[in-house]
Amino acid sequence: MKETLKELSEIVAQANDIFFERHKNVDTLMGIMDKTLRKQGMNADAITIDCIAINKKIVLVLHDSKPDLVDIALGDKAGDVHSSSEHVLKDVSISQIITMMEENFLN
């Protein structure tokens, strides 16, 4: 696993834990895609946060071509993306991920 993926996954895991502590009635599932996208020909890794009960998903994509950035997409399990934004990787924080989860999984 690449170091950037490992570091970002630790931030997401901590955010997921805090989110669960605050909202015990909302189940989320975190996934790491460190080979799947590459097998599909995409030079990228991703972290997913799924809220299966309401069919919503947050996907954080680390493209090899943009090592200092992360694309964050909001969508559903089927892969439909409702919005996407690019963030400076070093600026992504636990509180930012928690806020995204609360805005997308509680509304």
PDB file of N, CA and C in Angstrom:
ATOM      1  N   MET A   1       0.849  -1.185   0.000  1.00  0.00           N
ATOM      2  CA  MET A   1       0.000   0.000   0.000  1.00  0.00           C
ATOM      3  C   MET A   1       0.891   1.244   0.000  1.00  0.00           C
ATOM      4  N   LYS A   2       0.560   2.180  -0.882  1.00  0.00           N
ATOM      5  CA  LYS A   2       1.328   3.422  -0.949  1.00  0.00           C
ATOM      6  C   LYS A   2       1.153   4.222   0.341  1.00  0.00           C
ATOM      7  N   GLU A   3       2.178   4.981   0.686  1.00  0.00           N
ATOM      8  CA  GLU A   3       2.171   5.756   1.929  1.00  0.00           C
ATOM      9  C   GLU A   3       1.025   6.776   1.969  1.00  0.00           C
ATOM     10  N   THR A   4       0.769   7.456   0.847  1.00  0.00           N
ATOM     11  CA  THR A   4      -0.320   8.447   0.838  1.00  0.00           C
ATOM     12  C   THR A   4      -1.666   7.781   1.076  1.00  0.00           C
ATOM     13  N   LEU A   5      -1.872   6.613   0.486  1.00  0.00           N
ATOM     14  CA  LEU A   5      -3.117   5.873   0.704  1.00  0.00           C
ATOM     15  C   LEU A   5      -3.226   5.443   2.156  1.00  0.00           C
ATOM     16  N   LYS A   6      -2.135   4.991   2.722  1.00  0.00           N
ATOM     17  CA  LYS A   6      -2.127   4.553   4.119  1.00  0.00           C
ATOM     18  C   LYS A   6      -2.473   5.719   5.047  1.00  0.00           C
ATOM     19  N   GLU A   7      -1.832   6.868   4.823  1.00  0.00           N
ATOM     20  CA  GLU A   7      -2.081   8.042   5.664  1.00  0.00           C
ATOM     21  C   GLU A   7      -3.530   8.521   5.545  1.00  0.00           C
ATOM     22  N   LEU A   8      -4.034   8.596   4.315  1.00  0.00           N
ATOM     23  CA  LEU A   8      -5.409   9.044   4.123  1.00  0.00           C
ATOM     24  C   LEU A   8      -6.397   8.036   4.711  1.00  0.00           C
ATOM     25  N   SER A   9      -6.110   6.760   4.565  1.00  0.00           N
ATOM     26  CA  SER A   9      -7.019   5.746   5.114  1.00  0.00           C
ATOM     27  C   SER A   9      -7.072   5.821   6.641  1.00  0.00           C
ATOM     28  N   GLU A  10      -5.966   6.192   7.269  1.00  0.00           N
ATOM     29  CA  GLU A  10      -5.970   6.353   8.727  1.00  0.00           C
ATOM     30  C   GLU A  10      -6.842   7.536   9.141  1.00  0.00           C
ATOM     31  N   ILE A  11      -6.797   8.627   8.383  1.00  0.00           N
ATOM     32  CA  ILE A  11      -7.650   9.790   8.653  1.00  0.00           C
ATOM     33  C   ILE A  11      -9.117   9.403   8.493  1.00  0.00           C
ATOM     34  N   VAL A  12      -9.429   8.708   7.410  1.00  0.00           N
ATOM     35  CA  VAL A  12     -10.816   8.301   7.149  1.00  0.00           C
ATOM     36  C   VAL A  12     -11.302   7.323   8.222  1.00  0.00           C
ATOM     37  N   ALA A  13     -10.450   6.392   8.630  1.00  0.00           N
ATOM     38  CA  ALA A  13     -10.838   5.422   9.657  1.00  0.00           C
ATOM     39  C   ALA A  13     -11.134   6.120  10.983  1.00  0.00           C
ATOM     40  N   GLN A  14     -10.313   7.091  11.344  1.00  0.00           N
ATOM     41  CA  GLN A  14     -10.557   7.828  12.589  1.00  0.00           C
ATOM     42  C   GLN A  14     -11.849   8.629  12.487  1.00  0.00           C
ATOM     43  N   ALA A  15     -12.068   9.250  11.339  1.00  0.00           N
ATOM     44  CA  ALA A  15     -13.308  10.013  11.136  1.00  0.00           C
ATOM     45  C   ALA A  15     -14.517   9.092  11.203  1.00  0.00           C
ATOM     46  N   ASN A  16     -14.404   7.925  10.608  1.00  0.00           N
ATOM     47  CA  ASN A  16     -15.489   6.951  10.619  1.00  0.00           C
ATOM     48  C   ASN A  16     -15.805   6.509  12.054  1.00  0.00           C
ATOM     49  N   ASP A  17     -14.773   6.276  12.848  1.00  0.00           N
ATOM     50  CA  ASP A  17     -14.971   5.890  14.249  1.00  0.00           C
ATOM     51  C   ASP A  17     -15.684   6.985  15.040  1.00  0.00           C
ATOM     52  N   ILE A  18     -15.260   8.229  14.843  1.00  0.00           N
ATOM     53  CA  ILE A  18     -15.885   9.355  15.556  1.00  0.00           C
ATOM     54  C   ILE A  18     -17.329   9.529  15.085  1.00  0.00           C
ATOM     55  N   PHE A  19     -17.553   9.426  13.775  1.00  0.00           N
ATOM     56  CA  PHE A  19     -18.907   9.526  13.234  1.00  0.00           C
ATOM     57  C   PHE A  19     -19.810   8.478  13.879  1.00  0.00           C
ATOM     58  N   PHE A  20     -19.315   7.236  13.989  1.00  0.00           N
ATOM     59  CA  PHE A  20     -20.111   6.169  14.593  1.00  0.00           C
ATOM     60  C   PHE A  20     -20.400   6.455  16.062  1.00  0.00           C
ATOM     61  N   GLU A  21     -19.429   6.999  16.779  1.00  0.00           N
ATOM     62  CA  GLU A  21     -19.657   7.335  18.189  1.00  0.00           C
ATOM     63  C   GLU A  21     -20.751   8.389  18.327  1.00  0.00           C
ATOM     64  N   ARG A  22     -20.804   9.316  17.412  1.00  0.00           N
ATOM     65  CA  ARG A  22     -21.807  10.394  17.447  1.00  0.00           C
ATOM     66  C   ARG A  22     -23.172   9.932  16.942  1.00  0.00           C
ATOM     67  N   HIS A  23     -23.164   8.983  16.027  1.00  0.00           N
ATOM     68  CA  HIS A  23     -24.401   8.575  15.344  1.00  0.00           C
ATOM     69  C   HIS A  23     -24.479   7.047  15.303  1.00  0.00           C
ATOM     70  N   LYS A  24     -24.712   6.447  16.433  1.00  0.00           N
ATOM     71  CA  LYS A  24     -24.675   4.986  16.550  1.00  0.00           C
ATOM     72  C   LYS A  24     -25.751   4.280  15.722  1.00  0.00           C
ATOM     73  N   ASN A  25     -26.761   5.022  15.303  1.00  0.00           N
ATOM     74  CA  ASN A  25     -27.837   4.412  14.514  1.00  0.00           C
ATOM     75  C   ASN A  25     -27.559   4.442  13.005  1.00  0.00           C
ATOM     76  N   VAL A  26     -26.404   4.986  12.600  1.00  0.00           N
ATOM     77  CA  VAL A  26     -26.054   5.075  11.181  1.00  0.00           C
ATOM     78  C   VAL A  26     -24.822   4.210  10.926  1.00  0.00           C
ATOM     79  N   ASP A  27     -25.032   3.111  10.229  1.00  0.00           N
ATOM     80  CA  ASP A  27     -23.919   2.203   9.929  1.00  0.00           C
ATOM     81  C   ASP A  27     -23.204   2.633   8.654  1.00  0.00           C
ATOM     82  N   THR A  28     -21.883   2.648   8.727  1.00  0.00           N
ATOM     83  CA  THR A  28     -21.075   2.944   7.550  1.00  0.00           C
ATOM     84  C   THR A  28     -20.055   1.825   7.358  1.00  0.00           C
ATOM     85  N   LEU A  29     -19.582   1.724   6.147  1.00  0.00           N
ATOM     86  CA  LEU A  29     -18.611   0.702   5.798  1.00  0.00           C
ATOM     87  C   LEU A  29     -17.489   1.374   5.020  1.00  0.00           C
ATOM     88  N   MET A  30     -16.261   1.209   5.485  1.00  0.00           N
ATOM     89  CA  MET A  30     -15.108   1.811   4.824  1.00  0.00           C
ATOM     90  C   MET A  30     -14.382   0.749   4.010  1.00  0.00           C
ATOM     91  N   GLY A  31     -13.962   1.112   2.818  1.00  0.00           N
ATOM     92  CA  GLY A  31     -13.221   0.181   1.970  1.00  0.00           C
ATOM     93  C   GLY A  31     -12.005   0.838   1.358  1.00  0.00           C
ATOM     94  N   ILE A  32     -10.974   0.047   1.101  1.00  0.00           N
ATOM     95  CA  ILE A  32      -9.759   0.543   0.461  1.00  0.00           C
ATOM     96  C   ILE A  32      -9.591  -0.202  -0.857  1.00  0.00           C
ATOM     97  N   MET A  33      -9.442   0.570  -1.924  1.00  0.00           N
ATOM     98  CA  MET A  33      -9.260  -0.014  -3.250  1.00  0.00           C
ATOM     99  C   MET A  33      -7.834   0.299  -3.711  1.00  0.00           C
ATOM    100  N   ASP A  34      -6.900  -0.589  -3.373  1.00  0.00           N
ATOM    101  CA  ASP A  34      -5.515  -0.341  -3.742  1.00  0.00           C
ATOM    102  C   ASP A  34      -5.064  -1.179  -4.935  1.00  0.00           C
ATOM    103  N   LYS A  35      -5.919  -2.063  -5.405  1.00  0.00           N
ATOM    104  CA  LYS A  35      -5.587  -2.856  -6.599  1.00  0.00           C
ATOM    105  C   LYS A  35      -6.721  -2.852  -7.621  1.00  0.00           C
ATOM    106  N   THR A  36      -7.949  -2.725  -7.166  1.00  0.00           N
ATOM    107  CA  THR A  36      -9.126  -2.826  -8.030  1.00  0.00           C
ATOM    108  C   THR A  36      -9.085  -1.848  -9.195  1.00  0.00           C
ATOM    109  N   LEU A  37      -8.842  -0.574  -8.899  1.00  0.00           N
ATOM    110  CA  LEU A  37      -8.843   0.432  -9.962  1.00  0.00           C
ATOM    111  C   LEU A  37      -7.698   0.195 -10.938  1.00  0.00           C
ATOM    112  N   ARG A  38      -6.560  -0.232 -10.407  1.00  0.00           N
ATOM    113  CA  ARG A  38      -5.388  -0.483 -11.259  1.00  0.00           C
ATOM    114  C   ARG A  38      -5.653  -1.645 -12.217  1.00  0.00           C
ATOM    115  N   LYS A  39      -6.370  -2.655 -11.733  1.00  0.00           N
ATOM    116  CA  LYS A  39      -6.719  -3.784 -12.599  1.00  0.00           C
ATOM    117  C   LYS A  39      -7.667  -3.345 -13.713  1.00  0.00           C
ATOM    118  N   GLN A  40      -8.402  -2.259 -13.473  1.00  0.00           N
ATOM    119  CA  GLN A  40      -9.322  -1.719 -14.483  1.00  0.00           C
ATOM    120  C   GLN A  40      -8.624  -0.716 -15.397  1.00  0.00           C
ATOM    121  N   GLY A  41      -7.308  -0.540 -15.203  1.00  0.00           N
ATOM    122  CA  GLY A  41      -6.537   0.356 -16.056  1.00  0.00           C
ATOM    123  C   GLY A  41      -6.445   1.785 -15.575  1.00  0.00           C
ATOM    124  N   MET A  42      -6.895   2.054 -14.371  1.00  0.00           N
ATOM    125  CA  MET A  42      -6.838   3.399 -13.815  1.00  0.00           C
ATOM    126  C   MET A  42      -5.634   3.501 -12.888  1.00  0.00           C
ATOM    127  N   ASN A  43      -4.807   4.512 -13.082  1.00  0.00           N
ATOM    128  CA  ASN A  43      -3.639   4.698 -12.225  1.00  0.00           C
ATOM    129  C   ASN A  43      -4.034   5.492 -10.986  1.00  0.00           C
ATOM    130  N   ALA A  44      -4.767   4.814 -10.101  1.00  0.00           N
ATOM    131  CA  ALA A  44      -5.292   5.482  -8.916  1.00  0.00           C
ATOM    132  C   ALA A  44      -5.639   4.462  -7.845  1.00  0.00           C
ATOM    133  N   ASP A  45      -5.721   4.968  -6.616  1.00  0.00           N
ATOM    134  CA  ASP A  45      -6.202   4.201  -5.476  1.00  0.00           C
ATOM    135  C   ASP A  45      -7.398   4.961  -4.917  1.00  0.00           C
ATOM    136  N   ALA A  46      -8.235   4.278  -4.152  1.00  0.00           N
ATOM    137  CA  ALA A  46      -9.413   4.953  -3.616  1.00  0.00           C
ATOM    138  C   ALA A  46      -9.791   4.406  -2.248  1.00  0.00           C
ATOM    139  N   ILE A  47     -10.491   5.250  -1.522  1.00  0.00           N
ATOM    140  CA  ILE A  47     -11.083   4.871  -0.238  1.00  0.00           C
ATOM    141  C   ILE A  47     -12.569   5.178  -0.365  1.00  0.00           C
ATOM    142  N   THR A  48     -13.388   4.226   0.026  1.00  0.00           N
ATOM    143  CA  THR A  48     -14.829   4.441  -0.038  1.00  0.00           C
ATOM    144  C   THR A  48     -15.417   4.426   1.367  1.00  0.00           C
ATOM    145  N   ILE A  49     -16.444   5.229   1.547  1.00  0.00           N
ATOM    146  CA  ILE A  49     -17.238   5.201   2.778  1.00  0.00           C
ATOM    147  C   ILE A  49     -18.675   5.035   2.313  1.00  0.00           C
ATOM    148  N   ASP A  50     -19.256   3.892   2.620  1.00  0.00           N
ATOM    149  CA  ASP A  50     -20.617   3.581   2.197  1.00  0.00           C
ATOM    150  C   ASP A  50     -21.582   3.683   3.366  1.00  0.00           C
ATOM    151  N   CYS A  51     -22.749   4.240   3.077  1.00  0.00           N
ATOM    152  CA  CYS A  51     -23.863   4.199   4.013  1.00  0.00           C
ATOM    153  C   CYS A  51     -24.956   3.432   3.273  1.00  0.00           C
ATOM    154  N   ILE A  52     -24.909   2.127   3.408  1.00  0.00           N
ATOM    155  CA  ILE A  52     -25.735   1.220   2.616  1.00  0.00           C
ATOM    156  C   ILE A  52     -27.230   1.452   2.824  1.00  0.00           C
ATOM    157  N   ALA A  53     -27.628   1.738   4.051  1.00  0.00           N
ATOM    158  CA  ALA A  53     -29.053   1.886   4.368  1.00  0.00           C
ATOM    159  C   ALA A  53     -29.722   2.992   3.547  1.00  0.00           C
ATOM    160  N   ILE A  54     -28.973   4.036   3.208  1.00  0.00           N
ATOM    161  CA  ILE A  54     -29.566   5.134   2.440  1.00  0.00           C
ATOM    162  C   ILE A  54     -28.959   5.237   1.033  1.00  0.00           C
ATOM    163  N   ASN A  55     -28.164   4.231   0.639  1.00  0.00           N
ATOM    164  CA  ASN A  55     -27.597   4.150  -0.709  1.00  0.00           C
ATOM    165  C   ASN A  55     -26.757   5.376  -1.064  1.00  0.00           C
ATOM    166  N   LYS A  56     -25.898   5.799  -0.136  1.00  0.00           N
ATOM    167  CA  LYS A  56     -24.999   6.921  -0.409  1.00  0.00           C
ATOM    168  C   LYS A  56     -23.569   6.487  -0.167  1.00  0.00           C
ATOM    169  N   LYS A  57     -22.668   7.161  -0.885  1.00  0.00           N
ATOM    170  CA  LYS A  57     -21.259   6.793  -0.824  1.00  0.00           C
ATOM    171  C   LYS A  57     -20.389   8.034  -0.984  1.00  0.00           C
ATOM    172  N   ILE A  58     -19.253   8.030  -0.287  1.00  0.00           N
ATOM    173  CA  ILE A  58     -18.210   9.036  -0.468  1.00  0.00           C
ATOM    174  C   ILE A  58     -16.987   8.274  -0.973  1.00  0.00           C
ATOM    175  N   VAL A  59     -16.387   8.773  -2.051  1.00  0.00           N
ATOM    176  CA  VAL A  59     -15.205   8.125  -2.612  1.00  0.00           C
ATOM    177  C   VAL A  59     -14.072   9.136  -2.668  1.00  0.00           C
ATOM    178  N   LEU A  60     -12.947   8.765  -2.088  1.00  0.00           N
ATOM    179  CA  LEU A  60     -11.755   9.600  -2.118  1.00  0.00           C
ATOM    180  C   LEU A  60     -10.757   8.919  -3.055  1.00  0.00           C
ATOM    181  N   VAL A  61     -10.384   9.612  -4.134  1.00  0.00           N
ATOM    182  CA  VAL A  61      -9.532   9.012  -5.158  1.00  0.00           C
ATOM    183  C   VAL A  61      -8.174   9.705  -5.201  1.00  0.00           C
ATOM    184  N   LEU A  62      -7.131   8.891  -5.130  1.00  0.00           N
ATOM    185  CA  LEU A  62      -5.755   9.375  -5.221  1.00  0.00           C
ATOM    186  C   LEU A  62      -5.204   8.962  -6.585  1.00  0.00           C
ATOM    187  N   HIS A  63      -5.069   9.918  -7.490  1.00  0.00           N
ATOM    188  CA  HIS A  63      -4.541   9.650  -8.829  1.00  0.00           C
ATOM    189  C   HIS A  63      -3.020   9.759  -8.801  1.00  0.00           C
ATOM    190  N   ASP A  64      -2.343   8.816  -9.441  1.00  0.00           N
ATOM    191  CA  ASP A  64      -0.881   8.872  -9.523  1.00  0.00           C
ATOM    192  C   ASP A  64      -0.403  10.164 -10.168  1.00  0.00           C
ATOM    193  N   SER A  65      -1.169  10.680 -11.129  1.00  0.00           N
ATOM    194  CA  SER A  65      -0.787  11.887 -11.867  1.00  0.00           C
ATOM    195  C   SER A  65      -0.957  13.172 -11.060  1.00  0.00           C
ATOM    196  N   LYS A  66      -1.650  13.086  -9.911  1.00  0.00           N
ATOM    197  CA  LYS A  66      -1.872  14.260  -9.054  1.00  0.00           C
ATOM    198  C   LYS A  66      -1.518  13.874  -7.612  1.00  0.00           C
ATOM    199  N   PRO A  67      -0.224  13.672  -7.321  1.00  0.00           N
ATOM    200  CA  PRO A  67       0.169  13.129  -6.016  1.00  0.00           C
ATOM    201  C   PRO A  67      -0.147  14.007  -4.804  1.00  0.00           C
ATOM    202  N   ASP A  68      -0.364  15.299  -5.025  1.00  0.00           N
ATOM    203  CA  ASP A  68      -0.632  16.197  -3.895  1.00  0.00           C
ATOM    204  C   ASP A  68      -2.120  16.509  -3.724  1.00  0.00           C
ATOM    205  N   LEU A  69      -2.959  15.858  -4.534  1.00  0.00           N
ATOM    206  CA  LEU A  69      -4.392  16.152  -4.512  1.00  0.00           C
ATOM    207  C   LEU A  69      -5.207  14.884  -4.292  1.00  0.00           C
ATOM    208  N   VAL A  70      -6.426  15.079  -3.827  1.00  0.00           N
ATOM    209  CA  VAL A  70      -7.379  13.973  -3.701  1.00  0.00           C
ATOM    210  C   VAL A  70      -8.714  14.447  -4.262  1.00  0.00           C
ATOM    211  N   ASP A  71      -9.318  13.620  -5.095  1.00  0.00           N
ATOM    212  CA  ASP A  71     -10.663  13.902  -5.603  1.00  0.00           C
ATOM    213  C   ASP A  71     -11.656  13.254  -4.651  1.00  0.00           C
ATOM    214  N   ILE A  72     -12.655  14.020  -4.240  1.00  0.00           N
ATOM    215  CA  ILE A  72     -13.688  13.484  -3.354  1.00  0.00           C
ATOM    216  C   ILE A  72     -15.019  13.572  -4.080  1.00  0.00           C
ATOM    217  N   ALA A  73     -15.611  12.400  -4.297  1.00  0.00           N
ATOM    218  CA  ALA A  73     -16.877  12.322  -5.025  1.00  0.00           C
ATOM    219  C   ALA A  73     -17.981  11.853  -4.082  1.00  0.00           C
ATOM    220  N   LEU A  74     -19.152  12.435  -4.241  1.00  0.00           N
ATOM    221  CA  LEU A  74     -20.331  12.057  -3.471  1.00  0.00           C
ATOM    222  C   LEU A  74     -21.314  11.419  -4.436  1.00  0.00           C
ATOM    223  N   GLY A  75     -21.790  10.240  -4.077  1.00  0.00           N
ATOM    224  CA  GLY A  75     -22.699   9.567  -4.986  1.00  0.00           C
ATOM    225  C   GLY A  75     -23.444   8.435  -4.324  1.00  0.00           C
ATOM    226  N   ASP A  76     -23.759   7.409  -5.145  1.00  0.00           N
ATOM    227  CA  ASP A  76     -24.490   6.271  -4.615  1.00  0.00           C
ATOM    228  C   ASP A  76     -23.783   4.967  -4.973  1.00  0.00           C
ATOM    229  N   LYS A  77     -24.341   3.892  -4.484  1.00  0.00           N
ATOM    230  CA  LYS A  77     -23.738   2.562  -4.644  1.00  0.00           C
ATOM    231  C   LYS A  77     -23.613   2.160  -6.116  1.00  0.00           C
ATOM    232  N   ALA A  78     -24.518   2.621  -6.945  1.00  0.00           N
ATOM    233  CA  ALA A  78     -24.505   2.272  -8.366  1.00  0.00           C
ATOM    234  C   ALA A  78     -23.379   2.969  -9.116  1.00  0.00           C
ATOM    235  N   GLY A  79     -22.760   3.962  -8.479  1.00  0.00           N
ATOM    236  CA  GLY A  79     -21.667   4.675  -9.125  1.00  0.00           C
ATOM    237  C   GLY A  79     -22.050   6.021  -9.695  1.00  0.00           C
ATOM    238  N   ASP A  80     -23.313   6.427  -9.498  1.00  0.00           N
ATOM    239  CA  ASP A  80     -23.729   7.755  -9.942  1.00  0.00           C
ATOM    240  C   ASP A  80     -23.093   8.792  -9.018  1.00  0.00           C
ATOM    241  N   VAL A  81     -22.426   9.781  -9.617  1.00  0.00           N
ATOM    242  CA  VAL A  81     -21.759  10.826  -8.841  1.00  0.00           C
ATOM    243  C   VAL A  81     -22.624  12.081  -8.869  1.00  0.00           C
ATOM    244  N   HIS A  82     -22.937  12.606  -7.683  1.00  0.00           N
ATOM    245  CA  HIS A  82     -23.770  13.799  -7.572  1.00  0.00           C
ATOM    246  C   HIS A  82     -22.913  15.060  -7.542  1.00  0.00           C
ATOM    247  N   SER A  83     -21.715  14.955  -6.979  1.00  0.00           N
ATOM    248  CA  SER A  83     -20.785  16.083  -6.971  1.00  0.00           C
ATOM    249  C   SER A  83     -19.374  15.552  -6.745  1.00  0.00           C
ATOM    250  N   SER A  84     -18.418  16.341  -7.197  1.00  0.00           N
ATOM    251  CA  SER A  84     -17.025  15.949  -7.056  1.00  0.00           C
ATOM    252  C   SER A  84     -16.195  17.209  -6.862  1.00  0.00           C
ATOM    253  N   SER A  85     -15.180  17.110  -6.024  1.00  0.00           N
ATOM    254  CA  SER A  85     -14.314  18.258  -5.798  1.00  0.00           C
ATOM    255  C   SER A  85     -12.889  17.774  -5.550  1.00  0.00           C
ATOM    256  N   GLU A  86     -11.953  18.663  -5.822  1.00  0.00           N
ATOM    257  CA  GLU A  86     -10.544  18.342  -5.665  1.00  0.00           C
ATOM    258  C   GLU A  86     -10.019  19.073  -4.433  1.00  0.00           C
ATOM    259  N   HIS A  87      -9.234  18.368  -3.624  1.00  0.00           N
ATOM    260  CA  HIS A  87      -8.707  18.949  -2.384  1.00  0.00           C
ATOM    261  C   HIS A  87      -7.205  18.723  -2.304  1.00  0.00           C
ATOM    262  N   VAL A  88      -6.510  19.642  -1.648  1.00  0.00           N
ATOM    263  CA  VAL A  88      -5.083  19.445  -1.379  1.00  0.00           C
ATOM    264  C   VAL A  88      -4.985  18.347  -0.329  1.00  0.00           C
ATOM    265  N   LEU A  89      -4.249  17.308  -0.649  1.00  0.00           N
ATOM    266  CA  LEU A  89      -4.183  16.115   0.199  1.00  0.00           C
ATOM    267  C   LEU A  89      -3.762  16.439   1.628  1.00  0.00           C
ATOM    268  N   LYS A  90      -2.741  17.261   1.789  1.00  0.00           N
ATOM    269  CA  LYS A  90      -2.229  17.541   3.134  1.00  0.00           C
ATOM    270  C   LYS A  90      -3.216  18.346   3.986  1.00  0.00           C
ATOM    271  N   ASP A  91      -4.222  18.940   3.341  1.00  0.00           N
ATOM    272  CA  ASP A  91      -5.216  19.737   4.072  1.00  0.00           C
ATOM    273  C   ASP A  91      -6.439  18.926   4.506  1.00  0.00           C
ATOM    274  N   VAL A  92      -6.561  17.692   4.035  1.00  0.00           N
ATOM    275  CA  VAL A  92      -7.722  16.870   4.388  1.00  0.00           C
ATOM    276  C   VAL A  92      -7.583  16.435   5.849  1.00  0.00           C
ATOM    277  N   SER A  93      -8.632  16.718   6.619  1.00  0.00           N
ATOM    278  CA  SER A  93      -8.579  16.446   8.058  1.00  0.00           C
ATOM    279  C   SER A  93      -9.701  15.512   8.498  1.00  0.00           C
ATOM    280  N   ILE A  94      -9.545  14.996   9.689  1.00  0.00           N
ATOM    281  CA  ILE A  94     -10.573  14.141  10.287  1.00  0.00           C
ATOM    282  C   ILE A  94     -11.888  14.907  10.380  1.00  0.00           C
ATOM    283  N   SER A  95     -11.833  16.149  10.855  1.00  0.00           N
ATOM    284  CA  SER A  95     -13.065  16.927  11.022  1.00  0.00           C
ATOM    285  C   SER A  95     -13.734  17.214   9.680  1.00  0.00           C
ATOM    286  N   GLN A  96     -12.946  17.413   8.626  1.00  0.00           N
ATOM    287  CA  GLN A  96     -13.514  17.641   7.298  1.00  0.00           C
ATOM    288  C   GLN A  96     -14.258  16.396   6.807  1.00  0.00           C
ATOM    289  N   ILE A  97     -13.675  15.232   7.033  1.00  0.00           N
ATOM    290  CA  ILE A  97     -14.323  13.978   6.614  1.00  0.00           C
ATOM    291  C   ILE A  97     -15.600  13.752   7.426  1.00  0.00           C
ATOM    292  N   ILE A  98     -15.544  14.008   8.727  1.00  0.00           N
ATOM    293  CA  ILE A  98     -16.739  13.859   9.573  1.00  0.00           C
ATOM    294  C   ILE A  98     -17.855  14.777   9.068  1.00  0.00           C
ATOM    295  N   THR A  99     -17.516  16.016   8.755  1.00  0.00           N
ATOM    296  CA  THR A  99     -18.513  16.964   8.251  1.00  0.00           C
ATOM    297  C   THR A  99     -19.138  16.448   6.965  1.00  0.00           C
ATOM    298  N   MET A 100     -18.320  15.928   6.050  1.00  0.00           N
ATOM    299  CA  MET A 100     -18.854  15.366   4.805  1.00  0.00           C
ATOM    300  C   MET A 100     -19.797  14.204   5.091  1.00  0.00           C
ATOM    301  N   MET A 101     -19.410  13.345   6.016  1.00  0.00           N
ATOM    302  CA  MET A 101     -20.240  12.201   6.355  1.00  0.00           C
ATOM    303  C   MET A 101     -21.566  12.661   6.941  1.00  0.00           C
ATOM    304  N   GLU A 102     -21.515  13.644   7.853  1.00  0.00           N
ATOM    305  CA  GLU A 102     -22.748  14.125   8.471  1.00  0.00           C
ATOM    306  C   GLU A 102     -23.648  14.800   7.453  1.00  0.00           C
ATOM    307  N   GLU A 103     -23.068  15.592   6.545  1.00  0.00           N
ATOM    308  CA  GLU A 103     -23.871  16.277   5.533  1.00  0.00           C
ATOM    309  C   GLU A 103     -24.492  15.314   4.536  1.00  0.00           C
ATOM    310  N   ASN A 104     -23.802  14.217   4.244  1.00  0.00           N
ATOM    311  CA  ASN A 104     -24.279  13.301   3.213  1.00  0.00           C
ATOM    312  C   ASN A 104     -25.057  12.109   3.745  1.00  0.00           C
ATOM    313  N   PHE A 105     -24.758  11.688   4.955  1.00  0.00           N
ATOM    314  CA  PHE A 105     -25.398  10.473   5.481  1.00  0.00           C
ATOM    315  C   PHE A 105     -26.517  10.753   6.477  1.00  0.00           C
ATOM    316  N   LEU A 106     -26.651  11.998   6.913  1.00  0.00           N
ATOM    317  CA  LEU A 106     -27.702  12.302   7.890  1.00  0.00           C
ATOM    318  C   LEU A 106     -28.842  13.096   7.265  1.00  0.00           C
ATOM    319  N   ASN A 107     -28.671  13.595   6.068  1.00  0.00           N
ATOM    320  CA  ASN A 107     -29.705  14.425   5.433  1.00  0.00           C
ATOM    321  C   ASN A 107     -30.415  13.677   4.328  1.00  0.00           C
TER     322      ASN A 107
END
